[in-house]
C-alpha atoms as a PDB file:
ATOM      1  CA  UNK A   1     -19.665  -6.447  -2.750  1.00  0.00           C
ATOM      2  CA  UNK A   2     -21.533  -3.375  -0.457  1.00  0.00           C
ATOM      3  CA  UNK A   3     -19.170  -0.209   0.028  1.00  0.00           C
ATOM      4  CA  UNK A   4     -17.999  -1.580   3.927  1.00  0.00           C
ATOM      5  CA  UNK A   5     -16.626  -4.434   1.955  1.00  0.00           C
ATOM      6  CA  UNK A   6     -14.969  -2.670  -0.650  1.00  0.00           C
ATOM      7  CA  UNK A   7     -13.172   0.182   2.082  1.00  0.00           C
ATOM      8  CA  UNK A   8     -12.168  -2.880   3.868  1.00  0.00           C
ATOM      9  CA  UNK A   9     -10.958  -4.932   1.051  1.00  0.00           C
ATOM     10  CA  UNK A  10      -8.873  -1.605  -0.102  1.00  0.00           C
ATOM     11  CA  UNK A  11      -7.228  -1.531   3.596  1.00  0.00           C
ATOM     12  CA  UNK A  12      -5.734  -4.893   3.582  1.00  0.00           C
ATOM     13  CA  UNK A  13      -5.018  -5.021  -0.152  1.00  0.00           C
ATOM     14  CA  UNK A  14      -3.279  -1.795   0.157  1.00  0.00           C
ATOM     15  CA  UNK A  15      -2.593  -1.287   4.310  1.00  0.00           C
ATOM     16  CA  UNK A  16      -4.427   2.330   3.250  1.00  0.00           C
ATOM     17  CA  UNK A  17      -7.257   3.908   5.201  1.00  0.00           C
ATOM     18  CA  UNK A  18     -10.215   6.160   3.695  1.00  0.00           C
ATOM     19  CA  UNK A  19      -9.501  10.078   3.559  1.00  0.00           C
ATOM     20  CA  UNK A  20     -12.543  12.148   3.870  1.00  0.00           C
ATOM     21  CA  UNK A  21     -11.089  15.558   2.433  1.00  0.00           C
ATOM     22  CA  UNK A  22     -14.453  17.956   1.644  1.00  0.00           C
ATOM     23  CA  UNK A  23     -16.143  18.748   4.527  1.00  0.00           C
ATOM     24  CA  UNK A  24     -19.399  19.385   2.030  1.00  0.00           C
ATOM     25  CA  UNK A  25     -19.377  16.227   1.069  1.00  0.00           C
ATOM     26  CA  UNK A  26     -18.797  13.757   3.896  1.00  0.00           C
ATOM     27  CA  UNK A  27     -19.401  10.432   2.495  1.00  0.00           C
ATOM     28  CA  UNK A  28     -16.777  10.772  -0.093  1.00  0.00           C
ATOM     29  CA  UNK A  29     -13.775   8.174   0.599  1.00  0.00           C
ATOM     30  CA  UNK A  30     -10.131   8.979  -1.369  1.00  0.00           C
ATOM     31  CA  UNK A  31      -7.626   6.406  -0.694  1.00  0.00           C
ATOM     32  CA  UNK A  32      -4.389   7.191  -1.747  1.00  0.00           C
ATOM     33  CA  UNK A  33      -0.914   5.158  -1.785  1.00  0.00           C
ATOM     34  CA  UNK A  34       1.053   5.970   0.853  1.00  0.00           C
ATOM     35  CA  UNK A  35       4.413   6.923  -1.085  1.00  0.00           C
ATOM     36  CA  UNK A  36       3.214   9.510  -2.428  1.00  0.00           C
ATOM     37  CA  UNK A  37      -0.094  10.616  -1.365  1.00  0.00           C
ATOM     38  CA  UNK A  38      -1.818  10.929  -5.085  1.00  0.00           C
ATOM     39  CA  UNK A  39      -5.148   9.119  -4.998  1.00  0.00           C
ATOM     40  CA  UNK A  40      -5.743   6.042  -6.439  1.00  0.00           C
ATOM     41  CA  UNK A  41     -10.058   5.696  -5.923  1.00  0.00           C
ATOM     42  CA  UNK A  42     -12.802   7.229  -4.729  1.00  0.00           C
ATOM     43  CA  UNK A  43     -15.757   6.332  -3.395  1.00  0.00           C
ATOM     44  CA  UNK A  44     -18.728   8.562  -3.584  1.00  0.00           C
ATOM     45  CA  UNK A  45     -22.988   8.584  -2.494  1.00  0.00           C
ATOM     46  CA  UNK A  46     -24.704  10.617  -4.831  1.00  0.00           C
ATOM     47  CA  UNK A  47     -28.278  10.546  -5.535  1.00  0.00           C
ATOM     48  CA  UNK A  48     -28.883   7.953  -8.760  1.00  0.00           C
ATOM     49  CA  UNK A  49     -30.661  10.424 -10.894  1.00  0.00           C
ATOM     50  CA  UNK A  50     -26.976  12.545 -10.961  1.00  0.00           C
ATOM     51  CA  UNK A  51     -25.481   9.524 -12.850  1.00  0.00           C
ATOM     52  CA  UNK A  52     -28.890   9.755 -15.379  1.00  0.00           C
ATOM     53  CA  UNK A  53     -30.205   6.467 -13.427  1.00  0.00           C
ATOM     54  CA  UNK A  54     -34.685   7.411 -13.233  1.00  0.00           C
ATOM     55  CA  UNK A  55     -34.749   5.899  -9.632  1.00  0.00           C
ATOM     56  CA  UNK A  56     -35.254   7.881  -6.107  1.00  0.00           C
ATOM     57  CA  UNK A  57     -32.288   6.684  -4.186  1.00  0.00           C
ATOM     58  CA  UNK A  58     -28.165   6.612  -3.370  1.00  0.00           C
ATOM     59  CA  UNK A  59     -25.577   4.630  -5.271  1.00  0.00           C
ATOM     60  CA  UNK A  60     -21.748   4.438  -4.888  1.00  0.00           C
ATOM     61  CA  UNK A  61     -20.026   4.785  -7.320  1.00  0.00           C
ATOM     62  CA  UNK A  62     -16.174   4.028  -7.020  1.00  0.00           C
ATOM     63  CA  UNK A  63     -13.594   5.455  -9.209  1.00  0.00           C
ATOM     64  CA  UNK A  64     -10.366   4.107 -10.042  1.00  0.00           C
ATOM     65  CA  UNK A  65      -7.766   5.467 -11.767  1.00  0.00           C
ATOM     66  CA  UNK A  66      -6.899   4.243 -15.118  1.00  0.00           C
ATOM     67  CA  UNK A  67     -10.531   5.352 -16.118  1.00  0.00           C
ATOM     68  CA  UNK A  68     -11.983   2.366 -14.821  1.00  0.00           C
ATOM     69  CA  UNK A  69     -15.767   3.535 -13.150  1.00  0.00           C
ATOM     70  CA  UNK A  70     -17.560   0.910 -11.118  1.00  0.00           C
ATOM     71  CA  UNK A  71     -21.429   1.639  -9.775  1.00  0.00           C
ATOM     72  CA  UNK A  72     -22.373  -0.334  -6.918  1.00  0.00           C
ATOM     73  CA  UNK A  73     -20.012  -3.369  -7.589  1.00  0.00           C
ATOM     74  CA  UNK A  74     -20.061  -3.264 -11.496  1.00  0.00           C
ATOM     75  CA  UNK A  75     -18.284  -1.611 -13.962  1.00  0.00           C
ATOM     76  CA  UNK A  76     -20.026   0.590 -16.182  1.00  0.00           C
ATOM     77  CA  UNK A  77     -20.511  -0.050 -19.817  1.00  0.00           C
ATOM     78  CA  UNK A  78     -20.881   3.438 -20.830  1.00  0.00           C
ATOM     79  CA  UNK A  79     -19.674   6.941 -19.380  1.00  0.00           C
ATOM     80  CA  UNK A  80     -21.347   9.191 -17.384  1.00  0.00           C
ATOM     81  CA  UNK A  81     -21.550  13.196 -18.235  1.00  0.00           C
ATOM     82  CA  UNK A  82     -24.425  14.217 -15.699  1.00  0.00           C
ATOM     83  CA  UNK A  83     -21.983  14.333 -12.235  1.00  0.00           C
ATOM     84  CA  UNK A  84     -21.504  17.330 -11.257  1.00  0.00           C
ATOM     85  CA  UNK A  85     -19.689  19.131  -8.347  1.00  0.00           C
ATOM     86  CA  UNK A  86     -22.707  21.455  -7.123  1.00  0.00           C
END
């Protein structure tokens, strides 16, 4: 599943559209509950090296509530501490 497919799935499943709250990070999409506006997911496109992948290029990272982390559609099996807020 690519990023566009995932955004469409979230939109049809939850009836919400992505919000892009950071001008500095225009590809970071936040999805919020309709009722209380709290986030339930964020999709970020980041450099692979930021999360310890020894490869050039970008990767889509999906962080969902309840501490499940997804990278390009696959559930992560370990924690990544190298994500930074640069």
